Amino acid sequence: MLTRATAAFVLVAWLPLPLAHAAEQSIPASAEGQIEFNTPSDNIGCIYTPKGGTSTYEPQDGGPELSCSRVEPSYITIILGPKGPATLIKNPGEQPCCSDVTRLAYGNSWSAGPFFCQSSTKGLTCTATNGHGFFISKAKATVK
């Protein structure tokens, strides 16, 4: 039987929690609410789009959405929505990535809507409050 205390533990265990030493980094949104950031290596760039999208882009399920692209060694894109697992696109074609935007410093975290990301020298880990997420680095990309 699932007690209230056990249910609370299970919920907390699946929520993305920042590491004790991680500093929450504030990244400003554009006028339409999108937030862009890169990893310090400039090999991974992410765009957060709020629920409802923008005047030029609407996420497939209405949003919110987190989309991250990697440039090297091959182009890939991972899209995470508020429901279901992340989608890995292994050959999206050459993508614009990593323009001159804020860098999410190694050891720092960022969050908006249902998404939480942690930057480290090993790569970028992002999760949604539904427990799904992804890890992306130069060496590999995994989704859950």
N, C-alpha and C. Protein backbone atom coordinates (compact mmCIF):
# COMPACT_ATOMS: atom_id res chain seq x y z
N MET A 1 0.84 -1.17 0.00
CA MET A 1 0.00 0.00 0.00
C MET A 1 0.89 1.24 0.00
N LEU A 2 0.54 2.20 -0.82
CA LEU A 2 1.30 3.43 -0.94
C LEU A 2 0.75 4.45 0.05
N THR A 3 1.56 4.75 1.07
CA THR A 3 1.13 5.74 2.05
C THR A 3 1.43 7.13 1.53
N ARG A 4 0.91 8.13 2.19
CA ARG A 4 1.16 9.51 1.81
C ARG A 4 2.65 9.84 1.87
N ALA A 5 3.33 9.37 2.91
CA ALA A 5 4.77 9.63 3.06
C ALA A 5 5.55 8.94 1.94
N THR A 6 5.17 7.70 1.59
CA THR A 6 5.85 7.00 0.51
C THR A 6 5.60 7.69 -0.81
N ALA A 7 4.37 8.13 -1.05
CA ALA A 7 4.04 8.83 -2.29
C ALA A 7 4.83 10.12 -2.41
N ALA A 8 4.97 10.83 -1.32
CA ALA A 8 5.75 12.07 -1.33
C ALA A 8 7.21 11.77 -1.65
N PHE A 9 7.76 10.69 -1.08
CA PHE A 9 9.14 10.31 -1.36
C PHE A 9 9.32 9.96 -2.83
N VAL A 10 8.38 9.18 -3.38
CA VAL A 10 8.46 8.78 -4.78
C VAL A 10 8.42 10.01 -5.68
N LEU A 11 7.54 10.94 -5.41
CA LEU A 11 7.44 12.16 -6.21
C LEU A 11 8.73 12.96 -6.13
N VAL A 12 9.25 13.15 -4.94
CA VAL A 12 10.48 13.92 -4.77
C VAL A 12 11.64 13.21 -5.46
N ALA A 13 11.69 11.88 -5.41
CA ALA A 13 12.78 11.14 -6.03
C ALA A 13 12.81 11.35 -7.54
N TRP A 14 11.67 11.61 -8.17
CA TRP A 14 11.62 11.80 -9.61
C TRP A 14 11.77 13.25 -10.04
N LEU A 15 11.63 14.19 -9.12
CA LEU A 15 11.78 15.60 -9.49
C LEU A 15 13.24 15.94 -9.68
N PRO A 16 13.56 16.76 -10.67
CA PRO A 16 14.94 17.14 -10.87
C PRO A 16 15.37 18.11 -9.77
N LEU A 17 16.37 17.72 -9.04
CA LEU A 17 16.85 18.56 -7.95
C LEU A 17 18.25 19.05 -8.24
N PRO A 18 18.55 20.31 -8.00
CA PRO A 18 19.89 20.81 -8.27
C PRO A 18 20.89 20.19 -7.29
N LEU A 19 22.12 20.05 -7.75
CA LEU A 19 23.17 19.57 -6.88
C LEU A 19 23.43 20.62 -5.82
N ALA A 20 23.90 20.18 -4.67
CA ALA A 20 24.08 21.09 -3.53
C ALA A 20 24.99 22.27 -3.88
N HIS A 21 25.99 22.04 -4.73
CA HIS A 21 26.94 23.12 -5.04
C HIS A 21 26.53 23.92 -6.27
N ALA A 22 25.47 23.52 -6.95
CA ALA A 22 25.06 24.18 -8.19
C ALA A 22 24.39 25.52 -7.90
N ALA A 23 24.82 26.51 -8.63
CA ALA A 23 24.20 27.83 -8.52
C ALA A 23 23.15 27.97 -9.61
N GLU A 24 21.98 28.44 -9.24
CA GLU A 24 20.92 28.69 -10.23
C GLU A 24 21.33 29.93 -11.02
N GLN A 25 21.42 29.78 -12.33
CA GLN A 25 21.83 30.89 -13.19
C GLN A 25 20.61 31.46 -13.88
N SER A 26 20.41 32.74 -13.75
CA SER A 26 19.29 33.42 -14.38
C SER A 26 19.69 33.80 -15.80
N ILE A 27 18.84 33.44 -16.76
CA ILE A 27 19.09 33.78 -18.16
C ILE A 27 17.86 34.53 -18.66
N PRO A 28 18.05 35.74 -19.16
CA PRO A 28 16.91 36.56 -19.56
C PRO A 28 16.16 35.99 -20.77
N ALA A 29 14.85 36.21 -20.78
CA ALA A 29 14.00 35.79 -21.89
C ALA A 29 13.90 36.90 -22.91
N SER A 30 13.62 36.52 -24.15
CA SER A 30 13.36 37.50 -25.21
C SER A 30 11.99 38.12 -24.96
N ALA A 31 11.62 39.09 -25.77
CA ALA A 31 10.33 39.75 -25.62
C ALA A 31 9.17 38.76 -25.75
N GLU A 32 9.35 37.66 -26.50
CA GLU A 32 8.29 36.67 -26.68
C GLU A 32 8.42 35.49 -25.72
N GLY A 33 9.37 35.58 -24.79
CA GLY A 33 9.48 34.57 -23.75
C GLY A 33 10.47 33.44 -24.01
N GLN A 34 11.10 33.41 -25.18
CA GLN A 34 12.09 32.37 -25.43
C GLN A 34 13.37 32.66 -24.66
N ILE A 35 14.04 31.59 -24.23
CA ILE A 35 15.31 31.71 -23.51
C ILE A 35 16.33 30.87 -24.26
N GLU A 36 17.47 31.46 -24.60
CA GLU A 36 18.54 30.75 -25.29
C GLU A 36 19.78 30.72 -24.42
N PHE A 37 20.45 29.56 -24.42
CA PHE A 37 21.74 29.47 -23.74
C PHE A 37 22.60 28.41 -24.41
N ASN A 38 23.90 28.52 -24.22
CA ASN A 38 24.88 27.58 -24.73
C ASN A 38 25.64 26.99 -23.57
N THR A 39 26.31 25.88 -23.83
CA THR A 39 27.28 25.38 -22.87
C THR A 39 28.57 26.15 -23.10
N PRO A 40 29.46 26.20 -22.13
CA PRO A 40 30.71 26.96 -22.29
C PRO A 40 31.57 26.50 -23.46
N SER A 41 31.42 25.24 -23.89
CA SER A 41 32.19 24.73 -25.02
C SER A 41 31.68 25.28 -26.35
N ASP A 42 30.51 25.92 -26.35
CA ASP A 42 29.84 26.41 -27.56
C ASP A 42 29.53 25.29 -28.55
N ASN A 43 29.43 24.05 -28.08
CA ASN A 43 29.09 22.92 -28.92
C ASN A 43 27.62 22.52 -28.77
N ILE A 44 26.97 23.00 -27.71
CA ILE A 44 25.57 22.69 -27.45
C ILE A 44 24.82 23.99 -27.19
N GLY A 45 23.71 24.15 -27.88
CA GLY A 45 22.88 25.34 -27.69
C GLY A 45 21.44 24.93 -27.47
N CYS A 46 20.75 25.61 -26.56
CA CYS A 46 19.37 25.27 -26.22
C CYS A 46 18.45 26.48 -26.36
N ILE A 47 17.21 26.18 -26.70
CA ILE A 47 16.16 27.20 -26.79
C ILE A 47 14.94 26.69 -26.03
N TYR A 48 14.50 27.48 -25.05
CA TYR A 48 13.27 27.20 -24.32
C TYR A 48 12.18 28.05 -24.96
N THR A 49 11.06 27.42 -25.30
CA THR A 49 9.92 28.13 -25.84
C THR A 49 8.76 27.94 -24.86
N PRO A 50 8.14 29.04 -24.41
CA PRO A 50 7.06 28.92 -23.43
C PRO A 50 5.79 28.33 -24.05
N LYS A 51 4.86 27.93 -23.20
CA LYS A 51 3.56 27.41 -23.64
C LYS A 51 2.92 28.44 -24.57
N GLY A 52 2.38 27.97 -25.68
CA GLY A 52 1.75 28.87 -26.64
C GLY A 52 2.69 29.31 -27.75
N GLY A 53 3.99 29.10 -27.56
CA GLY A 53 4.96 29.44 -28.59
C GLY A 53 5.18 30.93 -28.76
N THR A 54 5.61 31.30 -29.95
CA THR A 54 5.89 32.71 -30.27
C THR A 54 5.15 33.07 -31.55
N SER A 55 5.33 34.28 -32.02
CA SER A 55 4.65 34.69 -33.26
C SER A 55 5.19 33.95 -34.48
N THR A 56 6.39 33.36 -34.37
CA THR A 56 6.97 32.65 -35.51
C THR A 56 7.17 31.15 -35.29
N TYR A 57 6.93 30.67 -34.07
CA TYR A 57 7.15 29.24 -33.80
C TYR A 57 6.17 28.75 -32.74
N GLU A 58 5.50 27.62 -33.07
CA GLU A 58 4.62 26.98 -32.10
C GLU A 58 5.09 25.54 -31.90
N PRO A 59 5.41 25.15 -30.67
CA PRO A 59 5.81 23.77 -30.41
C PRO A 59 4.71 22.80 -30.85
N GLN A 60 5.12 21.60 -31.23
CA GLN A 60 4.20 20.60 -31.75
C GLN A 60 2.99 20.38 -30.86
N ASP A 61 3.18 20.29 -29.55
CA ASP A 61 2.04 20.04 -28.65
C ASP A 61 1.59 21.30 -27.92
N GLY A 62 1.99 22.45 -28.40
CA GLY A 62 1.60 23.71 -27.78
C GLY A 62 2.58 24.22 -26.74
N GLY A 63 3.52 23.38 -26.34
CA GLY A 63 4.56 23.80 -25.41
C GLY A 63 4.16 23.68 -23.97
N PRO A 64 5.06 24.04 -23.11
CA PRO A 64 6.40 24.57 -23.36
C PRO A 64 7.30 23.48 -23.96
N GLU A 65 8.46 23.93 -24.47
CA GLU A 65 9.38 23.00 -25.13
C GLU A 65 10.82 23.44 -24.87
N LEU A 66 11.69 22.45 -24.73
CA LEU A 66 13.13 22.70 -24.63
C LEU A 66 13.79 21.93 -25.76
N SER A 67 14.50 22.65 -26.62
CA SER A 67 15.18 22.04 -27.76
C SER A 67 16.67 22.35 -27.65
N CYS A 68 17.50 21.30 -27.67
CA CYS A 68 18.94 21.49 -27.60
C CYS A 68 19.60 20.82 -28.80
N SER A 69 20.56 21.51 -29.41
CA SER A 69 21.28 21.00 -30.56
C SER A 69 22.75 20.91 -30.25
N ARG A 70 23.38 19.86 -30.81
CA ARG A 70 24.82 19.68 -30.69
C ARG A 70 25.42 19.79 -32.08
N VAL A 71 26.59 20.44 -32.17
CA VAL A 71 27.24 20.65 -33.46
C VAL A 71 28.22 19.52 -33.79
N GLU A 72 29.12 19.19 -32.87
CA GLU A 72 30.16 18.19 -33.15
C GLU A 72 30.09 17.03 -32.17
N PRO A 73 30.45 15.83 -32.56
CA PRO A 73 31.05 15.44 -33.84
C PRO A 73 30.04 15.28 -34.96
N SER A 74 28.75 15.28 -34.64
CA SER A 74 27.70 15.26 -35.66
C SER A 74 26.54 16.09 -35.14
N TYR A 75 25.76 16.62 -36.08
CA TYR A 75 24.60 17.40 -35.69
C TYR A 75 23.51 16.48 -35.14
N ILE A 76 22.99 16.83 -33.97
CA ILE A 76 21.82 16.16 -33.41
C ILE A 76 20.96 17.22 -32.73
N THR A 77 19.70 16.92 -32.58
CA THR A 77 18.78 17.78 -31.85
C THR A 77 17.96 16.90 -30.92
N ILE A 78 17.74 17.38 -29.71
CA ILE A 78 16.88 16.69 -28.76
C ILE A 78 15.78 17.67 -28.36
N ILE A 79 14.53 17.20 -28.43
CA ILE A 79 13.38 18.04 -28.09
C ILE A 79 12.66 17.40 -26.91
N LEU A 80 12.45 18.20 -25.87
CA LEU A 80 11.75 17.74 -24.66
C LEU A 80 10.51 18.60 -24.46
N GLY A 81 9.37 17.94 -24.37
CA GLY A 81 8.12 18.65 -24.12
C GLY A 81 7.64 18.37 -22.71
N PRO A 82 6.47 18.85 -22.35
CA PRO A 82 5.94 18.67 -21.01
C PRO A 82 5.38 17.27 -20.75
N LYS A 83 5.18 16.49 -21.83
CA LYS A 83 4.62 15.14 -21.70
C LYS A 83 5.51 14.17 -22.48
N GLY A 84 5.67 12.98 -21.96
CA GLY A 84 6.38 11.94 -22.68
C GLY A 84 7.88 12.12 -22.71
N PRO A 85 8.56 11.13 -23.30
CA PRO A 85 10.02 11.16 -23.35
C PRO A 85 10.54 12.19 -24.35
N ALA A 86 11.82 12.50 -24.22
CA ALA A 86 12.49 13.40 -25.15
C ALA A 86 12.63 12.70 -26.50
N THR A 87 12.70 13.48 -27.57
CA THR A 87 12.87 12.96 -28.92
C THR A 87 14.28 13.30 -29.40
N LEU A 88 15.01 12.29 -29.84
CA LEU A 88 16.36 12.47 -30.37
C LEU A 88 16.29 12.42 -31.89
N ILE A 89 16.73 13.48 -32.53
CA ILE A 89 16.79 13.55 -33.99
C ILE A 89 18.27 13.44 -34.36
N LYS A 90 18.66 12.28 -34.92
CA LYS A 90 20.07 12.01 -35.15
C LYS A 90 20.67 12.74 -36.33
N ASN A 91 19.88 13.11 -37.32
CA ASN A 91 20.43 13.84 -38.45
C ASN A 91 19.47 14.94 -38.88
N PRO A 92 19.42 16.03 -38.10
CA PRO A 92 18.49 17.11 -38.43
C PRO A 92 18.97 17.99 -39.57
N GLY A 93 20.13 17.66 -40.14
CA GLY A 93 20.74 18.54 -41.12
C GLY A 93 21.51 19.60 -40.36
N GLU A 94 22.25 20.40 -41.07
CA GLU A 94 23.05 21.42 -40.40
C GLU A 94 22.12 22.42 -39.72
N GLN A 95 22.32 22.60 -38.44
CA GLN A 95 21.45 23.46 -37.64
C GLN A 95 22.20 24.70 -37.17
N PRO A 96 21.50 25.81 -37.11
CA PRO A 96 22.14 26.97 -36.49
C PRO A 96 22.30 26.67 -35.01
N CYS A 97 23.44 26.89 -34.49
CA CYS A 97 23.64 26.59 -33.08
C CYS A 97 24.68 27.52 -32.50
N CYS A 98 24.43 27.81 -31.30
CA CYS A 98 25.45 28.39 -30.46
C CYS A 98 25.85 29.80 -30.88
N SER A 99 24.84 30.61 -31.12
CA SER A 99 25.09 32.01 -31.41
C SER A 99 25.61 32.69 -30.15
N ASP A 100 25.83 33.95 -30.23
CA ASP A 100 26.41 34.69 -29.11
C ASP A 100 25.33 34.97 -28.07
N VAL A 101 25.02 33.95 -27.25
CA VAL A 101 24.03 34.08 -26.19
C VAL A 101 24.69 33.72 -24.86
N THR A 102 23.93 33.81 -23.80
CA THR A 102 24.43 33.51 -22.45
C THR A 102 24.93 32.07 -22.37
N ARG A 103 26.03 31.88 -21.69
CA ARG A 103 26.56 30.54 -21.46
C ARG A 103 26.15 30.07 -20.06
N LEU A 104 25.63 28.84 -20.01
CA LEU A 104 25.28 28.23 -18.73
C LEU A 104 26.57 27.63 -18.19
N ALA A 105 27.17 28.32 -17.24
CA ALA A 105 28.50 27.97 -16.73
C ALA A 105 28.53 26.56 -16.15
N TYR A 106 29.67 25.91 -16.29
CA TYR A 106 29.84 24.59 -15.68
C TYR A 106 29.56 24.68 -14.19
N GLY A 107 28.81 23.72 -13.69
CA GLY A 107 28.45 23.70 -12.27
C GLY A 107 27.18 24.47 -11.97
N ASN A 108 26.64 25.20 -12.96
CA ASN A 108 25.42 25.96 -12.74
C ASN A 108 24.20 25.23 -13.28
N SER A 109 23.04 25.64 -12.79
CA SER A 109 21.78 25.07 -13.25
C SER A 109 20.88 26.19 -13.76
N TRP A 110 19.89 25.80 -14.53
CA TRP A 110 18.91 26.73 -15.08
C TRP A 110 17.56 26.02 -15.04
N SER A 111 16.50 26.78 -14.85
CA SER A 111 15.16 26.18 -14.92
C SER A 111 14.15 27.21 -15.42
N ALA A 112 13.14 26.68 -16.12
CA ALA A 112 12.01 27.48 -16.58
C ALA A 112 10.88 26.50 -16.87
N GLY A 113 9.66 26.92 -16.58
CA GLY A 113 8.52 26.03 -16.79
C GLY A 113 8.78 24.71 -16.08
N PRO A 114 8.53 23.59 -16.76
CA PRO A 114 8.75 22.28 -16.13
C PRO A 114 10.17 21.73 -16.31
N PHE A 115 11.09 22.54 -16.84
CA PHE A 115 12.42 22.04 -17.19
C PHE A 115 13.52 22.52 -16.25
N PHE A 116 14.50 21.63 -16.07
CA PHE A 116 15.66 21.91 -15.23
C PHE A 116 16.88 21.37 -15.95
N CYS A 117 17.94 22.18 -16.07
CA CYS A 117 19.18 21.73 -16.72
C CYS A 117 20.36 21.98 -15.80
N GLN A 118 21.33 21.08 -15.86
CA GLN A 118 22.57 21.17 -15.08
C GLN A 118 23.74 21.06 -16.06
N SER A 119 24.61 22.06 -16.05
CA SER A 119 25.79 22.08 -16.92
C SER A 119 27.00 21.57 -16.15
N SER A 120 27.79 20.70 -16.79
CA SER A 120 29.02 20.22 -16.18
C SER A 120 30.06 20.03 -17.29
N THR A 121 31.29 19.81 -16.90
CA THR A 121 32.34 19.56 -17.90
C THR A 121 32.09 18.26 -18.65
N LYS A 122 31.22 17.39 -18.12
CA LYS A 122 30.89 16.13 -18.79
C LYS A 122 29.80 16.30 -19.83
N GLY A 123 28.96 17.35 -19.70
CA GLY A 123 27.87 17.57 -20.65
C GLY A 123 26.71 18.29 -19.99
N LEU A 124 25.57 18.25 -20.65
CA LEU A 124 24.37 18.94 -20.19
C LEU A 124 23.28 17.91 -19.91
N THR A 125 22.72 17.95 -18.69
CA THR A 125 21.63 17.07 -18.30
C THR A 125 20.39 17.93 -18.09
N CYS A 126 19.30 17.56 -18.76
CA CYS A 126 18.05 18.31 -18.62
C CYS A 126 16.92 17.32 -18.33
N THR A 127 16.02 17.73 -17.43
CA THR A 127 14.87 16.90 -17.08
C THR A 127 13.62 17.77 -17.01
N ALA A 128 12.49 17.10 -17.15
CA ALA A 128 11.19 17.75 -16.97
C ALA A 128 10.59 17.20 -15.69
N THR A 129 9.63 17.90 -15.14
CA THR A 129 9.00 17.46 -13.89
C THR A 129 8.27 16.13 -14.05
N ASN A 130 8.03 15.70 -15.30
CA ASN A 130 7.38 14.40 -15.52
C ASN A 130 8.37 13.24 -15.44
N GLY A 131 9.66 13.53 -15.16
CA GLY A 131 10.67 12.49 -15.01
C GLY A 131 11.44 12.17 -16.29
N HIS A 132 10.98 12.67 -17.42
CA HIS A 132 11.70 12.44 -18.68
C HIS A 132 12.80 13.48 -18.84
N GLY A 133 13.77 13.16 -19.67
CA GLY A 133 14.86 14.11 -19.89
C GLY A 133 15.90 13.56 -20.82
N PHE A 134 17.09 14.18 -20.78
CA PHE A 134 18.17 13.76 -21.66
C PHE A 134 19.53 14.20 -21.13
N PHE A 135 20.56 13.58 -21.68
CA PHE A 135 21.95 13.98 -21.45
C PHE A 135 22.56 14.15 -22.82
N ILE A 136 23.31 15.24 -23.01
CA ILE A 136 23.94 15.51 -24.28
C ILE A 136 25.36 16.02 -24.04
N SER A 137 26.29 15.47 -24.79
CA SER A 137 27.68 15.89 -24.72
C SER A 137 28.31 15.65 -26.10
N LYS A 138 29.59 16.01 -26.22
CA LYS A 138 30.27 15.75 -27.49
C LYS A 138 30.38 14.25 -27.73
N ALA A 139 30.53 13.47 -26.65
CA ALA A 139 30.74 12.02 -26.77
C ALA A 139 29.44 11.23 -26.98
N LYS A 140 28.30 11.69 -26.38
CA LYS A 140 27.09 10.89 -26.50
C LYS A 140 25.84 11.71 -26.26
N ALA A 141 24.72 11.08 -26.58
CA ALA A 141 23.41 11.68 -26.29
C ALA A 141 22.46 10.55 -25.91
N THR A 142 21.77 10.72 -24.80
CA THR A 142 20.80 9.72 -24.35
C THR A 142 19.52 10.42 -23.95
N VAL A 143 18.40 9.75 -24.17
CA VAL A 143 17.09 10.30 -23.78
C VAL A 143 16.38 9.29 -22.90
N LYS A 144 15.48 9.82 -22.04
CA LYS A 144 14.65 8.94 -21.21
C LYS A 144 13.26 9.51 -21.11
